[in-house]
Amino acid sequence: MNKSKLKIKMLEKGVTAEVLAEKIGMSKTAFSKRLNSLIPFKDHELFKLKTELSLTLDELNNIFLTF
């Protein structure tokens, strides 16, 4: 996961990690662990992030499928 790209998208949408976590039905702690790559995001969580941040499929891939 490219944390920087995700944070840029969050800034563009004017949403904090705490607010985004709430919008996708996750605790701030759980979101933080995923954001810091301690736990991977699940598919349904990625779909919710895609929706909340209005990400294109390419943007989603660029953020979460970096090797």
PDB file of N, CA and C in Angstrom:
ATOM      1  N   MET A   1       0.842  -1.176   0.000  1.00  0.00           N
ATOM      2  CA  MET A   1       0.000   0.000   0.000  1.00  0.00           C
ATOM      3  C   MET A   1       0.892   1.246   0.000  1.00  0.00           C
ATOM      4  N   ASN A   2       0.484   2.235  -0.760  1.00  0.00           N
ATOM      5  CA  ASN A   2       1.197   3.505  -0.795  1.00  0.00           C
ATOM      6  C   ASN A   2       0.450   4.481   0.118  1.00  0.00           C
ATOM      7  N   LYS A   3       0.931   4.568   1.346  1.00  0.00           N
ATOM      8  CA  LYS A   3       0.291   5.397   2.373  1.00  0.00           C
ATOM      9  C   LYS A   3       0.240   6.869   1.958  1.00  0.00           C
ATOM     10  N   SER A   4       1.282   7.349   1.329  1.00  0.00           N
ATOM     11  CA  SER A   4       1.338   8.758   0.914  1.00  0.00           C
ATOM     12  C   SER A   4       0.223   9.095  -0.070  1.00  0.00           C
ATOM     13  N   LYS A   5       0.015   8.218  -1.042  1.00  0.00           N
ATOM     14  CA  LYS A   5      -1.037   8.466  -2.034  1.00  0.00           C
ATOM     15  C   LYS A   5      -2.419   8.457  -1.385  1.00  0.00           C
ATOM     16  N   LEU A   6      -2.619   7.552  -0.429  1.00  0.00           N
ATOM     17  CA  LEU A   6      -3.908   7.511   0.268  1.00  0.00           C
ATOM     18  C   LEU A   6      -4.118   8.781   1.073  1.00  0.00           C
ATOM     19  N   LYS A   7      -3.087   9.236   1.757  1.00  0.00           N
ATOM     20  CA  LYS A   7      -3.212  10.463   2.548  1.00  0.00           C
ATOM     21  C   LYS A   7      -3.470  11.677   1.660  1.00  0.00           C
ATOM     22  N   ILE A   8      -2.863  11.702   0.472  1.00  0.00           N
ATOM     23  CA  ILE A   8      -3.109  12.798  -0.465  1.00  0.00           C
ATOM     24  C   ILE A   8      -4.583  12.821  -0.866  1.00  0.00           C
ATOM     25  N   LYS A   9      -5.136  11.652  -1.163  1.00  0.00           N
ATOM     26  CA  LYS A   9      -6.560  11.574  -1.537  1.00  0.00           C
ATOM     27  C   LYS A   9      -7.442  12.015  -0.378  1.00  0.00           C
ATOM     28  N   MET A  10      -7.060  11.645   0.835  1.00  0.00           N
ATOM     29  CA  MET A  10      -7.827  12.067   2.013  1.00  0.00           C
ATOM     30  C   MET A  10      -7.782  13.590   2.149  1.00  0.00           C
ATOM     31  N   LEU A  11      -6.612  14.179   1.939  1.00  0.00           N
ATOM     32  CA  LEU A  11      -6.484  15.638   2.004  1.00  0.00           C
ATOM     33  C   LEU A  11      -7.317  16.311   0.922  1.00  0.00           C
ATOM     34  N   GLU A  12      -7.283  15.750  -0.288  1.00  0.00           N
ATOM     35  CA  GLU A  12      -8.060  16.318  -1.396  1.00  0.00           C
ATOM     36  C   GLU A  12      -9.556  16.326  -1.069  1.00  0.00           C
ATOM     37  N   LYS A  13     -10.008  15.309  -0.360  1.00  0.00           N
ATOM     38  CA  LYS A  13     -11.428  15.213   0.001  1.00  0.00           C
ATOM     39  C   LYS A  13     -11.726  15.918   1.323  1.00  0.00           C
ATOM     40  N   GLY A  14     -10.675  16.400   1.999  1.00  0.00           N
ATOM     41  CA  GLY A  14     -10.864  17.116   3.253  1.00  0.00           C
ATOM     42  C   GLY A  14     -11.365  16.235   4.377  1.00  0.00           C
ATOM     43  N   VAL A  15     -10.890  15.002   4.398  1.00  0.00           N
ATOM     44  CA  VAL A  15     -11.365  14.054   5.395  1.00  0.00           C
ATOM     45  C   VAL A  15     -10.179  13.555   6.230  1.00  0.00           C
ATOM     46  N   THR A  16     -10.379  13.500   7.543  1.00  0.00           N
ATOM     47  CA  THR A  16      -9.356  12.986   8.440  1.00  0.00           C
ATOM     48  C   THR A  16      -9.466  11.468   8.545  1.00  0.00           C
ATOM     49  N   ALA A  17      -8.435  10.848   9.079  1.00  0.00           N
ATOM     50  CA  ALA A  17      -8.463   9.397   9.276  1.00  0.00           C
ATOM     51  C   ALA A  17      -9.618   9.004  10.185  1.00  0.00           C
ATOM     52  N   GLU A  18      -9.856   9.795  11.219  1.00  0.00           N
ATOM     53  CA  GLU A  18     -10.936   9.494  12.158  1.00  0.00           C
ATOM     54  C   GLU A  18     -12.299   9.539  11.474  1.00  0.00           C
ATOM     55  N   VAL A  19     -12.528  10.559  10.679  1.00  0.00           N
ATOM     56  CA  VAL A  19     -13.807  10.692   9.973  1.00  0.00           C
ATOM     57  C   VAL A  19     -13.964   9.600   8.924  1.00  0.00           C
ATOM     58  N   LEU A  20     -12.915   9.336   8.181  1.00  0.00           N
ATOM     59  CA  LEU A  20     -12.982   8.300   7.155  1.00  0.00           C
ATOM     60  C   LEU A  20     -13.232   6.935   7.776  1.00  0.00           C
ATOM     61  N   ALA A  21     -12.567   6.656   8.886  1.00  0.00           N
ATOM     62  CA  ALA A  21     -12.783   5.386   9.585  1.00  0.00           C
ATOM     63  C   ALA A  21     -14.256   5.234   9.951  1.00  0.00           C
ATOM     64  N   GLU A  22     -14.841   6.284  10.489  1.00  0.00           N
ATOM     65  CA  GLU A  22     -16.251   6.245  10.868  1.00  0.00           C
ATOM     66  C   GLU A  22     -17.149   6.030   9.651  1.00  0.00           C
ATOM     67  N   LYS A  23     -16.844   6.713   8.557  1.00  0.00           N
ATOM     68  CA  LYS A  23     -17.654   6.595   7.349  1.00  0.00           C
ATOM     69  C   LYS A  23     -17.645   5.189   6.760  1.00  0.00           C
ATOM     70  N   ILE A  24     -16.532   4.467   6.949  1.00  0.00           N
ATOM     71  CA  ILE A  24     -16.472   3.115   6.397  1.00  0.00           C
ATOM     72  C   ILE A  24     -16.789   2.050   7.454  1.00  0.00           C
ATOM     73  N   GLY A  25     -17.230   2.504   8.634  1.00  0.00           N
ATOM     74  CA  GLY A  25     -17.675   1.573   9.666  1.00  0.00           C
ATOM     75  C   GLY A  25     -16.551   0.878  10.412  1.00  0.00           C
ATOM     76  N   MET A  26     -15.508   1.632  10.702  1.00  0.00           N
ATOM     77  CA  MET A  26     -14.337   1.049  11.336  1.00  0.00           C
ATOM     78  C   MET A  26     -13.890   1.958  12.482  1.00  0.00           C
ATOM     79  N   SER A  27     -13.322   1.371  13.520  1.00  0.00           N
ATOM     80  CA  SER A  27     -12.795   2.191  14.609  1.00  0.00           C
ATOM     81  C   SER A  27     -11.540   2.922  14.131  1.00  0.00           C
ATOM     82  N   LYS A  28     -11.220   4.000  14.814  1.00  0.00           N
ATOM     83  CA  LYS A  28     -10.019   4.761  14.471  1.00  0.00           C
ATOM     84  C   LYS A  28      -8.776   3.887  14.627  1.00  0.00           C
ATOM     85  N   THR A  29      -8.762   3.062  15.657  1.00  0.00           N
ATOM     86  CA  THR A  29      -7.620   2.173  15.904  1.00  0.00           C
ATOM     87  C   THR A  29      -7.460   1.162  14.775  1.00  0.00           C
ATOM     88  N   ALA A  30      -8.550   0.542  14.365  1.00  0.00           N
ATOM     89  CA  ALA A  30      -8.500  -0.448  13.284  1.00  0.00           C
ATOM     90  C   ALA A  30      -8.030   0.207  11.985  1.00  0.00           C
ATOM     91  N   PHE A  31      -8.535   1.414  11.711  1.00  0.00           N
ATOM     92  CA  PHE A  31      -8.120   2.122  10.497  1.00  0.00           C
ATOM     93  C   PHE A  31      -6.635   2.464  10.559  1.00  0.00           C
ATOM     94  N   SER A  32      -6.175   2.906  11.721  1.00  0.00           N
ATOM     95  CA  SER A  32      -4.773   3.252  11.896  1.00  0.00           C
ATOM     96  C   SER A  32      -3.866   2.045  11.647  1.00  0.00           C
ATOM     97  N   LYS A  33      -4.268   0.882  12.135  1.00  0.00           N
ATOM     98  CA  LYS A  33      -3.473  -0.330  11.922  1.00  0.00           C
ATOM     99  C   LYS A  33      -3.394  -0.676  10.440  1.00  0.00           C
ATOM    100  N   ARG A  34      -4.468  -0.459   9.724  1.00  0.00           N
ATOM    101  CA  ARG A  34      -4.468  -0.728   8.287  1.00  0.00           C
ATOM    102  C   ARG A  34      -3.655   0.324   7.545  1.00  0.00           C
ATOM    103  N   LEU A  35      -3.804   1.566   7.948  1.00  0.00           N
ATOM    104  CA  LEU A  35      -3.075   2.661   7.319  1.00  0.00           C
ATOM    105  C   LEU A  35      -1.562   2.479   7.494  1.00  0.00           C
ATOM    106  N   ASN A  36      -1.157   1.907   8.600  1.00  0.00           N
ATOM    107  CA  ASN A  36       0.256   1.684   8.876  1.00  0.00           C
ATOM    108  C   ASN A  36       0.730   0.291   8.478  1.00  0.00           C
ATOM    109  N   SER A  37      -0.088  -0.384   7.675  1.00  0.00           N
ATOM    110  CA  SER A  37       0.240  -1.704   7.107  1.00  0.00           C
ATOM    111  C   SER A  37       0.491  -2.793   8.150  1.00  0.00           C
ATOM    112  N   LEU A  38      -0.114  -2.653   9.312  1.00  0.00           N
ATOM    113  CA  LEU A  38      -0.009  -3.700  10.320  1.00  0.00           C
ATOM    114  C   LEU A  38      -1.024  -4.807  10.056  1.00  0.00           C
ATOM    115  N   ILE A  39      -2.140  -4.409   9.462  1.00  0.00           N
ATOM    116  CA  ILE A  39      -3.216  -5.329   9.082  1.00  0.00           C
ATOM    117  C   ILE A  39      -3.651  -4.927   7.672  1.00  0.00           C
ATOM    118  N   PRO A  40      -3.839  -5.878   6.772  1.00  0.00           N
ATOM    119  CA  PRO A  40      -4.279  -5.499   5.414  1.00  0.00           C
ATOM    120  C   PRO A  40      -5.757  -5.104   5.385  1.00  0.00           C
ATOM    121  N   PHE A  41      -6.085  -4.221   4.461  1.00  0.00           N
ATOM    122  CA  PHE A  41      -7.481  -3.875   4.228  1.00  0.00           C
ATOM    123  C   PHE A  41      -8.176  -5.071   3.591  1.00  0.00           C
ATOM    124  N   LYS A  42      -9.416  -5.315   3.982  1.00  0.00           N
ATOM    125  CA  LYS A  42     -10.228  -6.368   3.375  1.00  0.00           C
ATOM    126  C   LYS A  42     -10.904  -5.800   2.126  1.00  0.00           C
ATOM    127  N   ASP A  43     -11.346  -6.683   1.256  1.00  0.00           N
ATOM    128  CA  ASP A  43     -11.953  -6.253  -0.011  1.00  0.00           C
ATOM    129  C   ASP A  43     -13.129  -5.306   0.202  1.00  0.00           C
ATOM    130  N   HIS A  44     -14.008  -5.630   1.141  1.00  0.00           N
ATOM    131  CA  HIS A  44     -15.181  -4.769   1.353  1.00  0.00           C
ATOM    132  C   HIS A  44     -14.777  -3.400   1.912  1.00  0.00           C
ATOM    133  N   GLU A  45     -13.673  -3.347   2.647  1.00  0.00           N
ATOM    134  CA  GLU A  45     -13.181  -2.069   3.157  1.00  0.00           C
ATOM    135  C   GLU A  45     -12.602  -1.226   2.018  1.00  0.00           C
ATOM    136  N   LEU A  46     -11.921  -1.875   1.096  1.00  0.00           N
ATOM    137  CA  LEU A  46     -11.391  -1.170  -0.074  1.00  0.00           C
ATOM    138  C   LEU A  46     -12.517  -0.598  -0.917  1.00  0.00           C
ATOM    139  N   PHE A  47     -13.601  -1.361  -1.072  1.00  0.00           N
ATOM    140  CA  PHE A  47     -14.757  -0.867  -1.824  1.00  0.00           C
ATOM    141  C   PHE A  47     -15.341   0.376  -1.154  1.00  0.00           C
ATOM    142  N   LYS A  48     -15.437   0.347   0.171  1.00  0.00           N
ATOM    143  CA  LYS A  48     -15.966   1.505   0.903  1.00  0.00           C
ATOM    144  C   LYS A  48     -15.034   2.709   0.763  1.00  0.00           C
ATOM    145  N   LEU A  49     -13.725   2.463   0.828  1.00  0.00           N
ATOM    146  CA  LEU A  49     -12.769   3.558   0.638  1.00  0.00           C
ATOM    147  C   LEU A  49     -12.875   4.136  -0.765  1.00  0.00           C
ATOM    148  N   LYS A  50     -13.003   3.259  -1.746  1.00  0.00           N
ATOM    149  CA  LYS A  50     -13.155   3.695  -3.135  1.00  0.00           C
ATOM    150  C   LYS A  50     -14.366   4.617  -3.264  1.00  0.00           C
ATOM    151  N   THR A  51     -15.452   4.228  -2.637  1.00  0.00           N
ATOM    152  CA  THR A  51     -16.683   5.007  -2.696  1.00  0.00           C
ATOM    153  C   THR A  51     -16.540   6.337  -1.951  1.00  0.00           C
ATOM    154  N   GLU A  52     -16.062   6.293  -0.727  1.00  0.00           N
ATOM    155  CA  GLU A  52     -15.964   7.508   0.096  1.00  0.00           C
ATOM    156  C   GLU A  52     -14.983   8.525  -0.460  1.00  0.00           C
ATOM    157  N   LEU A  53     -13.903   8.049  -1.068  1.00  0.00           N
ATOM    158  CA  LEU A  53     -12.892   8.965  -1.607  1.00  0.00           C
ATOM    159  C   LEU A  53     -13.066   9.211  -3.103  1.00  0.00           C
ATOM    160  N   SER A  54     -14.115   8.647  -3.681  1.00  0.00           N
ATOM    161  CA  SER A  54     -14.389   8.780  -5.120  1.00  0.00           C
ATOM    162  C   SER A  54     -13.174   8.396  -5.957  1.00  0.00           C
ATOM    163  N   LEU A  55     -12.584   7.256  -5.628  1.00  0.00           N
ATOM    164  CA  LEU A  55     -11.402   6.792  -6.340  1.00  0.00           C
ATOM    165  C   LEU A  55     -11.794   6.068  -7.618  1.00  0.00           C
ATOM    166  N   THR A  56     -11.001   6.259  -8.646  1.00  0.00           N
ATOM    167  CA  THR A  56     -11.178   5.457  -9.850  1.00  0.00           C
ATOM    168  C   THR A  56     -10.523   4.097  -9.581  1.00  0.00           C
ATOM    169  N   LEU A  57     -10.785   3.149 -10.438  1.00  0.00           N
ATOM    170  CA  LEU A  57     -10.165   1.834 -10.292  1.00  0.00           C
ATOM    171  C   LEU A  57      -8.645   1.948 -10.413  1.00  0.00           C
ATOM    172  N   ASP A  58      -8.172   2.796 -11.315  1.00  0.00           N
ATOM    173  CA  ASP A  58      -6.730   3.007 -11.465  1.00  0.00           C
ATOM    174  C   ASP A  58      -6.118   3.603 -10.195  1.00  0.00           C
ATOM    175  N   GLU A  59      -6.804   4.576  -9.606  1.00  0.00           N
ATOM    176  CA  GLU A  59      -6.302   5.177  -8.369  1.00  0.00           C
ATOM    177  C   GLU A  59      -6.265   4.145  -7.245  1.00  0.00           C
ATOM    178  N   LEU A  60      -7.314   3.352  -7.150  1.00  0.00           N
ATOM    179  CA  LEU A  60      -7.366   2.306  -6.131  1.00  0.00           C
ATOM    180  C   LEU A  60      -6.201   1.338  -6.300  1.00  0.00           C
ATOM    181  N   ASN A  61      -5.961   0.918  -7.539  1.00  0.00           N
ATOM    182  CA  ASN A  61      -4.846   0.011  -7.821  1.00  0.00           C
ATOM    183  C   ASN A  61      -3.506   0.657  -7.506  1.00  0.00           C
ATOM    184  N   ASN A  62      -3.340   1.925  -7.862  1.00  0.00           N
ATOM    185  CA  ASN A  62      -2.083   2.625  -7.602  1.00  0.00           C
ATOM    186  C   ASN A  62      -1.792   2.789  -6.111  1.00  0.00           C
ATOM    187  N   ILE A  63      -2.832   2.913  -5.331  1.00  0.00           N
ATOM    188  CA  ILE A  63      -2.649   3.069  -3.896  1.00  0.00           C
ATOM    189  C   ILE A  63      -2.424   1.727  -3.207  1.00  0.00           C
ATOM    190  N   PHE A  64      -3.220   0.740  -3.553  1.00  0.00           N
ATOM    191  CA  PHE A  64      -3.223  -0.509  -2.783  1.00  0.00           C
ATOM    192  C   PHE A  64      -2.492  -1.675  -3.436  1.00  0.00           C
ATOM    193  N   LEU A  65      -2.125  -1.573  -4.698  1.00  0.00           N
ATOM    194  CA  LEU A  65      -1.442  -2.682  -5.338  1.00  0.00           C
ATOM    195  C   LEU A  65      -0.025  -2.331  -5.735  1.00  0.00           C
ATOM    196  N   THR A  66       0.641  -1.572  -4.888  1.00  0.00           N
ATOM    197  CA  THR A  66       2.037  -1.236  -5.142  1.00  0.00           C
ATOM    198  C   THR A  66       2.921  -2.328  -4.585  1.00  0.00           C
ATOM    199  N   PHE A  67       3.933  -2.698  -5.338  1.00  0.00           N
ATOM    200  CA  PHE A  67       4.819  -3.790  -4.931  1.00  0.00           C
ATOM    201  C   PHE A  67       6.211  -3.269  -4.692  1.00  0.00           C
TER     202      PHE A  67
END
